[in-house]
PDB file of N, CA and C in Angstrom:
ATOM      1  N   MET A   1      -7.984   2.686 -16.221  1.00  0.00           N
ATOM      2  CA  MET A   1      -6.674   3.090 -15.775  1.00  0.00           C
ATOM      3  C   MET A   1      -5.991   3.875 -16.889  1.00  0.00           C
ATOM      4  N   SER A   2      -5.159   4.800 -16.481  1.00  0.00           N
ATOM      5  CA  SER A   2      -4.467   5.589 -17.484  1.00  0.00           C
ATOM      6  C   SER A   2      -3.411   4.737 -18.174  1.00  0.00           C
ATOM      7  N   ALA A   3      -2.877   5.257 -19.284  1.00  0.00           N
ATOM      8  CA  ALA A   3      -1.881   4.507 -20.048  1.00  0.00           C
ATOM      9  C   ALA A   3      -0.522   4.492 -19.352  1.00  0.00           C
ATOM     10  N   THR A   4      -0.309   5.421 -18.420  1.00  0.00           N
ATOM     11  CA  THR A   4       0.970   5.465 -17.718  1.00  0.00           C
ATOM     12  C   THR A   4       0.961   4.489 -16.554  1.00  0.00           C
ATOM     13  N   LEU A   5       2.172   4.079 -16.175  1.00  0.00           N
ATOM     14  CA  LEU A   5       2.281   3.166 -15.042  1.00  0.00           C
ATOM     15  C   LEU A   5       2.043   3.922 -13.745  1.00  0.00           C
ATOM     16  N   PRO A   6       1.424   3.265 -12.773  1.00  0.00           N
ATOM     17  CA  PRO A   6       1.223   3.927 -11.489  1.00  0.00           C
ATOM     18  C   PRO A   6       2.573   4.176 -10.815  1.00  0.00           C
ATOM     19  N   THR A   7       2.645   5.254 -10.072  1.00  0.00           N
ATOM     20  CA  THR A   7       3.882   5.584  -9.377  1.00  0.00           C
ATOM     21  C   THR A   7       3.763   5.191  -7.911  1.00  0.00           C
ATOM     22  N   LEU A   8       4.907   5.180  -7.249  1.00  0.00           N
ATOM     23  CA  LEU A   8       4.891   4.920  -5.811  1.00  0.00           C
ATOM     24  C   LEU A   8       4.062   5.971  -5.089  1.00  0.00           C
ATOM     25  N   ASP A   9       4.156   7.225  -5.543  1.00  0.00           N
ATOM     26  CA  ASP A   9       3.350   8.282  -4.932  1.00  0.00           C
ATOM     27  C   ASP A   9       1.868   7.941  -5.016  1.00  0.00           C
ATOM     28  N   ASP A  10       1.443   7.478  -6.181  1.00  0.00           N
ATOM     29  CA  ASP A  10       0.030   7.106  -6.354  1.00  0.00           C
ATOM     30  C   ASP A  10      -0.347   5.983  -5.391  1.00  0.00           C
ATOM     31  N   THR A  11       0.540   5.001  -5.287  1.00  0.00           N
ATOM     32  CA  THR A  11       0.256   3.850  -4.421  1.00  0.00           C
ATOM     33  C   THR A  11       0.162   4.276  -2.956  1.00  0.00           C
ATOM     34  N   PHE A  12       1.151   5.034  -2.494  1.00  0.00           N
ATOM     35  CA  PHE A  12       1.134   5.432  -1.087  1.00  0.00           C
ATOM     36  C   PHE A  12       0.005   6.417  -0.795  1.00  0.00           C
ATOM     37  N   ARG A  13      -0.310   7.288  -1.745  1.00  0.00           N
ATOM     38  CA  ARG A  13      -1.432   8.216  -1.564  1.00  0.00           C
ATOM     39  C   ARG A  13      -2.727   7.414  -1.403  1.00  0.00           C
ATOM     40  N   ALA A  14      -2.905   6.394  -2.223  1.00  0.00           N
ATOM     41  CA  ALA A  14      -4.117   5.575  -2.139  1.00  0.00           C
ATOM     42  C   ALA A  14      -4.170   4.802  -0.834  1.00  0.00           C
ATOM     43  N   LEU A  15      -3.028   4.320  -0.377  1.00  0.00           N
ATOM     44  CA  LEU A  15      -2.995   3.507   0.837  1.00  0.00           C
ATOM     45  C   LEU A  15      -2.986   4.348   2.107  1.00  0.00           C
ATOM     46  N   ALA A  16      -2.969   5.667   1.983  1.00  0.00           N
ATOM     47  CA  ALA A  16      -2.932   6.535   3.158  1.00  0.00           C
ATOM     48  C   ALA A  16      -4.254   6.558   3.916  1.00  0.00           C
ATOM     49  N   ASP A  17      -5.302   6.053   3.323  1.00  0.00           N
ATOM     50  CA  ASP A  17      -6.623   6.088   3.945  1.00  0.00           C
ATOM     51  C   ASP A  17      -7.015   4.696   4.439  1.00  0.00           C
ATOM     52  N   PRO A  18      -7.536   4.586   5.676  1.00  0.00           N
ATOM     53  CA  PRO A  18      -7.884   3.260   6.213  1.00  0.00           C
ATOM     54  C   PRO A  18      -8.990   2.540   5.435  1.00  0.00           C
ATOM     55  N   THR A  19      -9.930   3.306   4.880  1.00  0.00           N
ATOM     56  CA  THR A  19     -10.989   2.659   4.085  1.00  0.00           C
ATOM     57  C   THR A  19     -10.385   2.007   2.850  1.00  0.00           C
ATOM     58  N   ARG A  20      -9.505   2.731   2.194  1.00  0.00           N
ATOM     59  CA  ARG A  20      -8.906   2.177   0.978  1.00  0.00           C
ATOM     60  C   ARG A  20      -7.992   0.988   1.302  1.00  0.00           C
ATOM     61  N   ARG A  21      -7.288   1.067   2.431  1.00  0.00           N
ATOM     62  CA  ARG A  21      -6.465  -0.099   2.824  1.00  0.00           C
ATOM     63  C   ARG A  21      -7.356  -1.309   3.091  1.00  0.00           C
ATOM     64  N   ALA A  22      -8.505  -1.085   3.717  1.00  0.00           N
ATOM     65  CA  ALA A  22      -9.424  -2.195   3.989  1.00  0.00           C
ATOM     66  C   ALA A  22      -9.964  -2.791   2.685  1.00  0.00           C
ATOM     67  N   VAL A  23     -10.215  -1.943   1.693  1.00  0.00           N
ATOM     68  CA  VAL A  23     -10.686  -2.446   0.396  1.00  0.00           C
ATOM     69  C   VAL A  23      -9.590  -3.284  -0.259  1.00  0.00           C
ATOM     70  N   VAL A  24      -8.348  -2.796  -0.215  1.00  0.00           N
ATOM     71  CA  VAL A  24      -7.228  -3.557  -0.786  1.00  0.00           C
ATOM     72  C   VAL A  24      -7.101  -4.900  -0.074  1.00  0.00           C
ATOM     73  N   GLN A  25      -7.230  -4.872   1.247  1.00  0.00           N
ATOM     74  CA  GLN A  25      -7.143  -6.120   2.024  1.00  0.00           C
ATOM     75  C   GLN A  25      -8.261  -7.078   1.615  1.00  0.00           C
ATOM     76  N   ALA A  26      -9.465  -6.559   1.466  1.00  0.00           N
ATOM     77  CA  ALA A  26     -10.596  -7.419   1.064  1.00  0.00           C
ATOM     78  C   ALA A  26     -10.370  -7.996  -0.326  1.00  0.00           C
ATOM     79  N   LEU A  27      -9.855  -7.179  -1.235  1.00  0.00           N
ATOM     80  CA  LEU A  27      -9.615  -7.665  -2.600  1.00  0.00           C
ATOM     81  C   LEU A  27      -8.448  -8.642  -2.651  1.00  0.00           C
ATOM     82  N   GLY A  28      -7.628  -8.665  -1.625  1.00  0.00           N
ATOM     83  CA  GLY A  28      -6.559  -9.653  -1.555  1.00  0.00           C
ATOM     84  C   GLY A  28      -7.103 -11.071  -1.455  1.00  0.00           C
ATOM     85  N   ARG A  29      -8.357 -11.185  -1.007  1.00  0.00           N
ATOM     86  CA  ARG A  29      -9.007 -12.509  -0.919  1.00  0.00           C
ATOM     87  C   ARG A  29      -9.654 -12.909  -2.241  1.00  0.00           C
ATOM     88  N   GLY A  30      -9.747 -11.938  -3.170  1.00  0.00           N
ATOM     89  CA  GLY A  30     -10.331 -12.233  -4.473  1.00  0.00           C
ATOM     90  C   GLY A  30     -11.234 -11.103  -4.927  1.00  0.00           C
ATOM     91  N   PRO A  31     -11.627 -11.137  -6.205  1.00  0.00           N
ATOM     92  CA  PRO A  31     -12.494 -10.091  -6.754  1.00  0.00           C
ATOM     93  C   PRO A  31     -13.819 -10.019  -5.988  1.00  0.00           C
ATOM     94  N   ALA A  32     -14.390  -8.816  -5.971  1.00  0.00           N
ATOM     95  CA  ALA A  32     -15.666  -8.613  -5.278  1.00  0.00           C
ATOM     96  C   ALA A  32     -16.435  -7.500  -5.971  1.00  0.00           C
ATOM     97  N   SER A  33     -17.742  -7.529  -5.816  1.00  0.00           N
ATOM     98  CA  SER A  33     -18.570  -6.470  -6.389  1.00  0.00           C
ATOM     99  C   SER A  33     -18.445  -5.215  -5.537  1.00  0.00           C
ATOM    100  N   VAL A  34     -18.806  -4.094  -6.125  1.00  0.00           N
ATOM    101  CA  VAL A  34     -18.749  -2.825  -5.399  1.00  0.00           C
ATOM    102  C   VAL A  34     -19.646  -2.886  -4.166  1.00  0.00           C
ATOM    103  N   SER A  35     -20.832  -3.447  -4.307  1.00  0.00           N
ATOM    104  CA  SER A  35     -21.749  -3.496  -3.157  1.00  0.00           C
ATOM    105  C   SER A  35     -21.189  -4.385  -2.039  1.00  0.00           C
ATOM    106  N   GLU A  36     -20.527  -5.483  -2.394  1.00  0.00           N
ATOM    107  CA  GLU A  36     -19.902  -6.331  -1.368  1.00  0.00           C
ATOM    108  C   GLU A  36     -18.792  -5.575  -0.650  1.00  0.00           C
ATOM    109  N   LEU A  37     -18.022  -4.812  -1.414  1.00  0.00           N
ATOM    110  CA  LEU A  37     -16.918  -4.068  -0.807  1.00  0.00           C
ATOM    111  C   LEU A  37     -17.420  -2.926   0.066  1.00  0.00           C
ATOM    112  N   ALA A  38     -18.514  -2.296  -0.341  1.00  0.00           N
ATOM    113  CA  ALA A  38     -19.038  -1.134   0.392  1.00  0.00           C
ATOM    114  C   ALA A  38     -19.783  -1.525   1.652  1.00  0.00           C
ATOM    115  N   ARG A  39     -20.298  -2.740   1.707  1.00  0.00           N
ATOM    116  CA  ARG A  39     -21.168  -3.169   2.805  1.00  0.00           C
ATOM    117  C   ARG A  39     -20.585  -2.928   4.205  1.00  0.00           C
ATOM    118  N   PRO A  40     -19.328  -3.244   4.493  1.00  0.00           N
ATOM    119  CA  PRO A  40     -18.836  -3.077   5.866  1.00  0.00           C
ATOM    120  C   PRO A  40     -18.663  -1.623   6.313  1.00  0.00           C
ATOM    121  N   PHE A  41     -18.740  -0.695   5.402  1.00  0.00           N
ATOM    122  CA  PHE A  41     -18.437   0.698   5.744  1.00  0.00           C
ATOM    123  C   PHE A  41     -19.723   1.492   5.963  1.00  0.00           C
ATOM    124  N   GLU A  42     -19.707   2.300   6.985  1.00  0.00           N
ATOM    125  CA  GLU A  42     -20.866   3.138   7.293  1.00  0.00           C
ATOM    126  C   GLU A  42     -20.710   4.473   6.583  1.00  0.00           C
ATOM    127  N   MET A  43     -20.891   4.444   5.282  1.00  0.00           N
ATOM    128  CA  MET A  43     -20.830   5.672   4.488  1.00  0.00           C
ATOM    129  C   MET A  43     -21.751   5.495   3.288  1.00  0.00           C
ATOM    130  N   ALA A  44     -22.150   6.625   2.735  1.00  0.00           N
ATOM    131  CA  ALA A  44     -23.000   6.587   1.547  1.00  0.00           C
ATOM    132  C   ALA A  44     -22.212   6.010   0.372  1.00  0.00           C
ATOM    133  N   LEU A  45     -22.949   5.372  -0.537  1.00  0.00           N
ATOM    134  CA  LEU A  45     -22.295   4.742  -1.686  1.00  0.00           C
ATOM    135  C   LEU A  45     -21.465   5.737  -2.510  1.00  0.00           C
ATOM    136  N   PRO A  46     -21.965   6.963  -2.738  1.00  0.00           N
ATOM    137  CA  PRO A  46     -21.118   7.914  -3.491  1.00  0.00           C
ATOM    138  C   PRO A  46     -19.777   8.190  -2.804  1.00  0.00           C
ATOM    139  N   SER A  47     -19.778   8.250  -1.488  1.00  0.00           N
ATOM    140  CA  SER A  47     -18.515   8.455  -0.762  1.00  0.00           C
ATOM    141  C   SER A  47     -17.604   7.257  -0.946  1.00  0.00           C
ATOM    142  N   PHE A  48     -18.165   6.056  -0.872  1.00  0.00           N
ATOM    143  CA  PHE A  48     -17.358   4.854  -1.075  1.00  0.00           C
ATOM    144  C   PHE A  48     -16.799   4.820  -2.495  1.00  0.00           C
ATOM    145  N   LEU A  49     -17.613   5.238  -3.467  1.00  0.00           N
ATOM    146  CA  LEU A  49     -17.156   5.237  -4.864  1.00  0.00           C
ATOM    147  C   LEU A  49     -15.982   6.196  -5.069  1.00  0.00           C
ATOM    148  N   GLN A  50     -15.938   7.263  -4.267  1.00  0.00           N
ATOM    149  CA  GLN A  50     -14.786   8.172  -4.376  1.00  0.00           C
ATOM    150  C   GLN A  50     -13.509   7.462  -3.933  1.00  0.00           C
ATOM    151  N   HIS A  51     -13.614   6.655  -2.870  1.00  0.00           N
ATOM    152  CA  HIS A  51     -12.446   5.869  -2.445  1.00  0.00           C
ATOM    153  C   HIS A  51     -12.041   4.891  -3.547  1.00  0.00           C
ATOM    154  N   LEU A  52     -13.037   4.259  -4.140  1.00  0.00           N
ATOM    155  CA  LEU A  52     -12.755   3.298  -5.208  1.00  0.00           C
ATOM    156  C   LEU A  52     -12.095   3.988  -6.405  1.00  0.00           C
ATOM    157  N   LYS A  53     -12.524   5.203  -6.687  1.00  0.00           N
ATOM    158  CA  LYS A  53     -11.936   5.965  -7.793  1.00  0.00           C
ATOM    159  C   LYS A  53     -10.450   6.231  -7.534  1.00  0.00           C
ATOM    160  N   VAL A  54     -10.116   6.590  -6.307  1.00  0.00           N
ATOM    161  CA  VAL A  54      -8.707   6.828  -5.961  1.00  0.00           C
ATOM    162  C   VAL A  54      -7.904   5.548  -6.161  1.00  0.00           C
ATOM    163  N   LEU A  55      -8.473   4.419  -5.739  1.00  0.00           N
ATOM    164  CA  LEU A  55      -7.776   3.139  -5.899  1.00  0.00           C
ATOM    165  C   LEU A  55      -7.586   2.791  -7.378  1.00  0.00           C
ATOM    166  N   GLU A  56      -8.590   3.085  -8.187  1.00  0.00           N
ATOM    167  CA  GLU A  56      -8.462   2.827  -9.626  1.00  0.00           C
ATOM    168  C   GLU A  56      -7.409   3.736 -10.246  1.00  0.00           C
ATOM    169  N   GLU A  57      -7.424   5.004  -9.870  1.00  0.00           N
ATOM    170  CA  GLU A  57      -6.454   5.956 -10.435  1.00  0.00           C
ATOM    171  C   GLU A  57      -5.026   5.612 -10.032  1.00  0.00           C
ATOM    172  N   SER A  58      -4.879   4.989  -8.879  1.00  0.00           N
ATOM    173  CA  SER A  58      -3.542   4.609  -8.421  1.00  0.00           C
ATOM    174  C   SER A  58      -3.043   3.345  -9.110  1.00  0.00           C
ATOM    175  N   GLY A  59      -3.946   2.644  -9.787  1.00  0.00           N
ATOM    176  CA  GLY A  59      -3.575   1.408 -10.449  1.00  0.00           C
ATOM    177  C   GLY A  59      -3.672   0.185  -9.552  1.00  0.00           C
ATOM    178  N   LEU A  60      -4.130   0.386  -8.314  1.00  0.00           N
ATOM    179  CA  LEU A  60      -4.242  -0.752  -7.395  1.00  0.00           C
ATOM    180  C   LEU A  60      -5.463  -1.617  -7.683  1.00  0.00           C
ATOM    181  N   VAL A  61      -6.497  -1.021  -8.253  1.00  0.00           N
ATOM    182  CA  VAL A  61      -7.751  -1.740  -8.462  1.00  0.00           C
ATOM    183  C   VAL A  61      -8.213  -1.537  -9.898  1.00  0.00           C
ATOM    184  N   THR A  62      -8.709  -2.592 -10.477  1.00  0.00           N
ATOM    185  CA  THR A  62      -9.374  -2.496 -11.775  1.00  0.00           C
ATOM    186  C   THR A  62     -10.815  -2.916 -11.586  1.00  0.00           C
ATOM    187  N   THR A  63     -11.681  -2.400 -12.431  1.00  0.00           N
ATOM    188  CA  THR A  63     -13.084  -2.784 -12.351  1.00  0.00           C
ATOM    189  C   THR A  63     -13.567  -3.230 -13.720  1.00  0.00           C
ATOM    190  N   ALA A  64     -14.540  -4.088 -13.702  1.00  0.00           N
ATOM    191  CA  ALA A  64     -15.174  -4.546 -14.943  1.00  0.00           C
ATOM    192  C   ALA A  64     -16.662  -4.642 -14.674  1.00  0.00           C
ATOM    193  N   LYS A  65     -17.442  -4.205 -15.629  1.00  0.00           N
ATOM    194  CA  LYS A  65     -18.883  -4.209 -15.455  1.00  0.00           C
ATOM    195  C   LYS A  65     -19.487  -5.320 -16.299  1.00  0.00           C
ATOM    196  N   SER A  66     -20.315  -6.134 -15.649  1.00  0.00           N
ATOM    197  CA  SER A  66     -21.042  -7.197 -16.341  1.00  0.00           C
ATOM    198  C   SER A  66     -22.513  -7.051 -15.972  1.00  0.00           C
ATOM    199  N   GLY A  67     -23.301  -6.577 -16.927  1.00  0.00           N
ATOM    200  CA  GLY A  67     -24.700  -6.290 -16.623  1.00  0.00           C
ATOM    201  C   GLY A  67     -24.772  -5.115 -15.669  1.00  0.00           C
ATOM    202  N   ARG A  68     -25.421  -5.353 -14.527  1.00  0.00           N
ATOM    203  CA  ARG A  68     -25.548  -4.275 -13.532  1.00  0.00           C
ATOM    204  C   ARG A  68     -24.505  -4.389 -12.438  1.00  0.00           C
ATOM    205  N   VAL A  69     -23.676  -5.408 -12.495  1.00  0.00           N
ATOM    206  CA  VAL A  69     -22.690  -5.647 -11.428  1.00  0.00           C
ATOM    207  C   VAL A  69     -21.318  -5.162 -11.864  1.00  0.00           C
ATOM    208  N   ARG A  70     -20.737  -4.348 -11.034  1.00  0.00           N
ATOM    209  CA  ARG A  70     -19.374  -3.858 -11.261  1.00  0.00           C
ATOM    210  C   ARG A  70     -18.457  -4.613 -10.305  1.00  0.00           C
ATOM    211  N   THR A  71     -17.529  -5.377 -10.869  1.00  0.00           N
ATOM    212  CA  THR A  71     -16.631  -6.212 -10.069  1.00  0.00           C
ATOM    213  C   THR A  71     -15.245  -5.595 -10.021  1.00  0.00           C
ATOM    214  N   CYS A  72     -14.669  -5.582  -8.830  1.00  0.00           N
ATOM    215  CA  CYS A  72     -13.343  -5.001  -8.617  1.00  0.00           C
ATOM    216  C   CYS A  72     -12.325  -6.120  -8.414  1.00  0.00           C
ATOM    217  N   SER A  73     -11.131  -5.873  -8.923  1.00  0.00           N
ATOM    218  CA  SER A  73     -10.017  -6.820  -8.739  1.00  0.00           C
ATOM    219  C   SER A  73      -8.785  -6.040  -8.317  1.00  0.00           C
ATOM    220  N   LEU A  74      -7.936  -6.697  -7.564  1.00  0.00           N
ATOM    221  CA  LEU A  74      -6.693  -6.085  -7.089  1.00  0.00           C
ATOM    222  C   LEU A  74      -5.594  -6.305  -8.109  1.00  0.00           C
ATOM    223  N   ARG A  75      -4.835  -5.260  -8.390  1.00  0.00           N
ATOM    224  CA  ARG A  75      -3.630  -5.387  -9.215  1.00  0.00           C
ATOM    225  C   ARG A  75      -2.453  -5.420  -8.254  1.00  0.00           C
ATOM    226  N   ARG A  76      -1.681  -6.451  -8.308  1.00  0.00           N
ATOM    227  CA  ARG A  76      -0.603  -6.649  -7.328  1.00  0.00           C
ATOM    228  C   ARG A  76       0.703  -5.941  -7.708  1.00  0.00           C
ATOM    229  N   GLU A  77       0.849  -5.532  -8.961  1.00  0.00           N
ATOM    230  CA  GLU A  77       2.110  -4.905  -9.381  1.00  0.00           C
ATOM    231  C   GLU A  77       2.451  -3.647  -8.583  1.00  0.00           C
ATOM    232  N   PRO A  78       1.508  -2.722  -8.369  1.00  0.00           N
ATOM    233  CA  PRO A  78       1.860  -1.540  -7.567  1.00  0.00           C
ATOM    234  C   PRO A  78       2.245  -1.899  -6.137  1.00  0.00           C
ATOM    235  N   LEU A  79       1.604  -2.900  -5.560  1.00  0.00           N
ATOM    236  CA  LEU A  79       1.950  -3.330  -4.201  1.00  0.00           C
ATOM    237  C   LEU A  79       3.346  -3.942  -4.177  1.00  0.00           C
ATOM    238  N   ALA A  80       3.678  -4.695  -5.211  1.00  0.00           N
ATOM    239  CA  ALA A  80       5.019  -5.296  -5.282  1.00  0.00           C
ATOM    240  C   ALA A  80       6.084  -4.212  -5.402  1.00  0.00           C
ATOM    241  N   ALA A  81       5.797  -3.168  -6.195  1.00  0.00           N
ATOM    242  CA  ALA A  81       6.756  -2.063  -6.332  1.00  0.00           C
ATOM    243  C   ALA A  81       6.938  -1.352  -4.988  1.00  0.00           C
ATOM    244  N   ALA A  82       5.845  -1.140  -4.259  1.00  0.00           N
ATOM    245  CA  ALA A  82       5.935  -0.501  -2.936  1.00  0.00           C
ATOM    246  C   ALA A  82       6.702  -1.392  -1.967  1.00  0.00           C
ATOM    247  N   GLU A  83       6.464  -2.680  -2.014  1.00  0.00           N
ATOM    248  CA  GLU A  83       7.175  -3.617  -1.144  1.00  0.00           C
ATOM    249  C   GLU A  83       8.681  -3.591  -1.440  1.00  0.00           C
ATOM    250  N   THR A  84       9.043  -3.544  -2.705  1.00  0.00           N
ATOM    251  CA  THR A  84      10.457  -3.474  -3.091  1.00  0.00           C
ATOM    252  C   THR A  84      11.103  -2.210  -2.542  1.00  0.00           C
ATOM    253  N   TRP A  85      10.410  -1.086  -2.660  1.00  0.00           N
ATOM    254  CA  TRP A  85      10.943   0.186  -2.159  1.00  0.00           C
ATOM    255  C   TRP A  85      11.088   0.145  -0.638  1.00  0.00           C
ATOM    256  N   LEU A  86      10.059  -0.353   0.046  1.00  0.00           N
ATOM    257  CA  LEU A  86      10.117  -0.432   1.513  1.00  0.00           C
ATOM    258  C   LEU A  86      11.232  -1.366   1.974  1.00  0.00           C
ATOM    259  N   GLU A  87      11.421  -2.471   1.287  1.00  0.00           N
ATOM    260  CA  GLU A  87      12.483  -3.405   1.650  1.00  0.00           C
ATOM    261  C   GLU A  87      13.855  -2.759   1.471  1.00  0.00           C
ATOM    262  N   ALA A  88      14.037  -1.983   0.409  1.00  0.00           N
ATOM    263  CA  ALA A  88      15.307  -1.286   0.204  1.00  0.00           C
ATOM    264  C   ALA A  88      15.553  -0.287   1.333  1.00  0.00           C
ATOM    265  N   GLN A  89      14.499   0.426   1.751  1.00  0.00           N
ATOM    266  CA  GLN A  89      14.632   1.385   2.855  1.00  0.00           C
ATOM    267  C   GLN A  89      14.942   0.669   4.159  1.00  0.00           C
ATOM    268  N   ARG A  90      14.295  -0.459   4.406  1.00  0.00           N
ATOM    269  CA  ARG A  90      14.544  -1.234   5.621  1.00  0.00           C
ATOM    270  C   ARG A  90      15.992  -1.716   5.650  1.00  0.00           C
ATOM    271  N   SER A  91      16.462  -2.201   4.528  1.00  0.00           N
ATOM    272  CA  SER A  91      17.825  -2.688   4.447  1.00  0.00           C
ATOM    273  C   SER A  91      18.825  -1.556   4.700  1.00  0.00           C
ATOM    274  N   LEU A  92      18.598  -0.410   4.100  1.00  0.00           N
ATOM    275  CA  LEU A  92      19.482   0.744   4.276  1.00  0.00           C
ATOM    276  C   LEU A  92      19.536   1.159   5.743  1.00  0.00           C
ATOM    277  N   TRP A  93      18.369   1.276   6.384  1.00  0.00           N
ATOM    278  CA  TRP A  93      18.335   1.730   7.782  1.00  0.00           C
ATOM    279  C   TRP A  93      18.855   0.673   8.737  1.00  0.00           C
ATOM    280  N   THR A  94      18.682  -0.578   8.427  1.00  0.00           N
ATOM    281  CA  THR A  94      19.264  -1.640   9.247  1.00  0.00           C
ATOM    282  C   THR A  94      20.781  -1.553   9.193  1.00  0.00           C
ATOM    283  N   GLN A  95      21.311  -1.333   7.998  1.00  0.00           N
ATOM    284  CA  GLN A  95      22.766  -1.196   7.833  1.00  0.00           C
ATOM    285  C   GLN A  95      23.276   0.017   8.607  1.00  0.00           C
ATOM    286  N   ARG A  96      22.587   1.130   8.523  1.00  0.00           N
ATOM    287  CA  ARG A  96      23.008   2.341   9.237  1.00  0.00           C
ATOM    288  C   ARG A  96      22.946   2.135  10.751  1.00  0.00           C
ATOM    289  N   LEU A  97      21.922   1.486  11.240  1.00  0.00           N
ATOM    290  CA  LEU A  97      21.810   1.235  12.679  1.00  0.00           C
ATOM    291  C   LEU A  97      22.888   0.266  13.148  1.00  0.00           C
ATOM    292  N   ASP A  98      23.208  -0.714  12.328  1.00  0.00           N
ATOM    293  CA  ASP A  98      24.305  -1.629  12.674  1.00  0.00           C
ATOM    294  C   ASP A  98      25.630  -0.872  12.765  1.00  0.00           C
ATOM    295  N   GLN A  99      25.862   0.054  11.833  1.00  0.00           N
ATOM    296  CA  GLN A  99      27.083   0.861  11.870  1.00  0.00           C
ATOM    297  C   GLN A  99      27.115   1.747  13.114  1.00  0.00           C
ATOM    298  N   LEU A 100      25.992   2.336  13.468  1.00  0.00           N
ATOM    299  CA  LEU A 100      25.916   3.166  14.674  1.00  0.00           C
ATOM    300  C   LEU A 100      26.175   2.322  15.911  1.00  0.00           C
ATOM    301  N   ASP A 101      25.591   1.144  15.963  1.00  0.00           N
ATOM    302  CA  ASP A 101      25.794   0.234  17.090  1.00  0.00           C
ATOM    303  C   ASP A 101      27.276  -0.129  17.230  1.00  0.00           C
ATOM    304  N   ALA A 102      27.926  -0.435  16.115  1.00  0.00           N
ATOM    305  CA  ALA A 102      29.350  -0.777  16.148  1.00  0.00           C
ATOM    306  C   ALA A 102      30.172   0.422  16.613  1.00  0.00           C
ATOM    307  N   PHE A 103      29.807   1.621  16.180  1.00  0.00           N
ATOM    308  CA  PHE A 103      30.524   2.824  16.586  1.00  0.00           C
ATOM    309  C   PHE A 103      30.374   3.072  18.081  1.00  0.00           C
ATOM    310  N   VAL A 104      29.188   2.925  18.616  1.00  0.00           N
ATOM    311  CA  VAL A 104      28.945   3.125  20.049  1.00  0.00           C
ATOM    312  C   VAL A 104      29.703   2.077  20.855  1.00  0.00           C
ATOM    313  N   LEU A 105      29.704   0.843  20.412  1.00  0.00           N
ATOM    314  CA  LEU A 105      30.467  -0.196  21.111  1.00  0.00           C
ATOM    315  C   LEU A 105      31.960   0.143  21.099  1.00  0.00           C
ATOM    316  N   HIS A 106      32.454   0.638  19.992  1.00  0.00           N
ATOM    317  CA  HIS A 106      33.857   1.038  19.882  1.00  0.00           C
ATOM    318  C   HIS A 106      34.166   2.161  20.878  1.00  0.00           C
ATOM    319  N   LEU A 107      33.280   3.156  20.968  1.00  0.00           N
ATOM    320  CA  LEU A 107      33.475   4.258  21.918  1.00  0.00           C
ATOM    321  C   LEU A 107      33.473   3.748  23.358  1.00  0.00           C
ATOM    322  N   ASN A 108      32.530   2.855  23.665  1.00  0.00           N
ATOM    323  CA  ASN A 108      32.462   2.304  25.024  1.00  0.00           C
ATOM    324  C   ASN A 108      33.729   1.526  25.367  1.00  0.00           C
ATOM    325  N   ASN A 109      34.238   0.767  24.409  1.00  0.00           N
ATOM    326  CA  ASN A 109      35.468   0.000  24.654  1.00  0.00           C
ATOM    327  C   ASN A 109      36.657   0.929  24.885  1.00  0.00           C
ATOM    328  N   ASP A 110      36.708   2.041  24.130  1.00  0.00           N
ATOM    329  CA  ASP A 110      37.796   3.010  24.312  1.00  0.00           C
ATOM    330  C   ASP A 110      37.732   3.666  25.694  1.00  0.00           C
ATOM    331  N   GLU A 111      36.521   3.939  26.188  1.00  0.00           N
ATOM    332  CA  GLU A 111      36.361   4.567  27.498  1.00  0.00           C
ATOM    333  C   GLU A 111      36.739   3.622  28.625  1.00  0.00           C
ATOM    334  N   GLU A 112      36.543   2.332  28.443  1.00  0.00           N
ATOM    335  CA  GLU A 112      36.830   1.354  29.491  1.00  0.00           C
ATOM    336  C   GLU A 112      38.313   1.044  29.617  1.00  0.00           C
ATOM    337  N   ARG A 113      39.107   1.359  28.607  1.00  0.00           N
ATOM    338  CA  ARG A 113      40.548   1.085  28.670  1.00  0.00           C
ATOM    339  C   ARG A 113      41.228   2.098  29.591  1.00  0.00           C
ATOM    340  N   PRO A 114      42.160   1.646  30.393  1.00  0.00           N
ATOM    341  CA  PRO A 114      42.861   2.576  31.290  1.00  0.00           C
ATOM    342  C   PRO A 114      43.818   3.490  30.565  1.00  0.00           C
TER     343      PRO A 114
END
């Protein structure tokens, strides 16, 4: 991983692909070898390794090699940062929709008055 912290852009770019999301989901259950992670996917190993490279560059996954086995682990910090950002957006839009709802109710009440 690079010395800089992963950005939200890196996290969302990595999660934009269903294969990479499935790898993140699998690693949520615990560390796994590259071959274990690649097994469910119908693609050549070099193609799978490209997905893994994107995940590593985003900071979502770290790998460690022991002998001939390369084991991958999930880093939860980038996911937590994305969750925080999404929660802030959800809160903002919920507040805006509540304000719109109150405004529409106010308009309807004004129209019903004689």
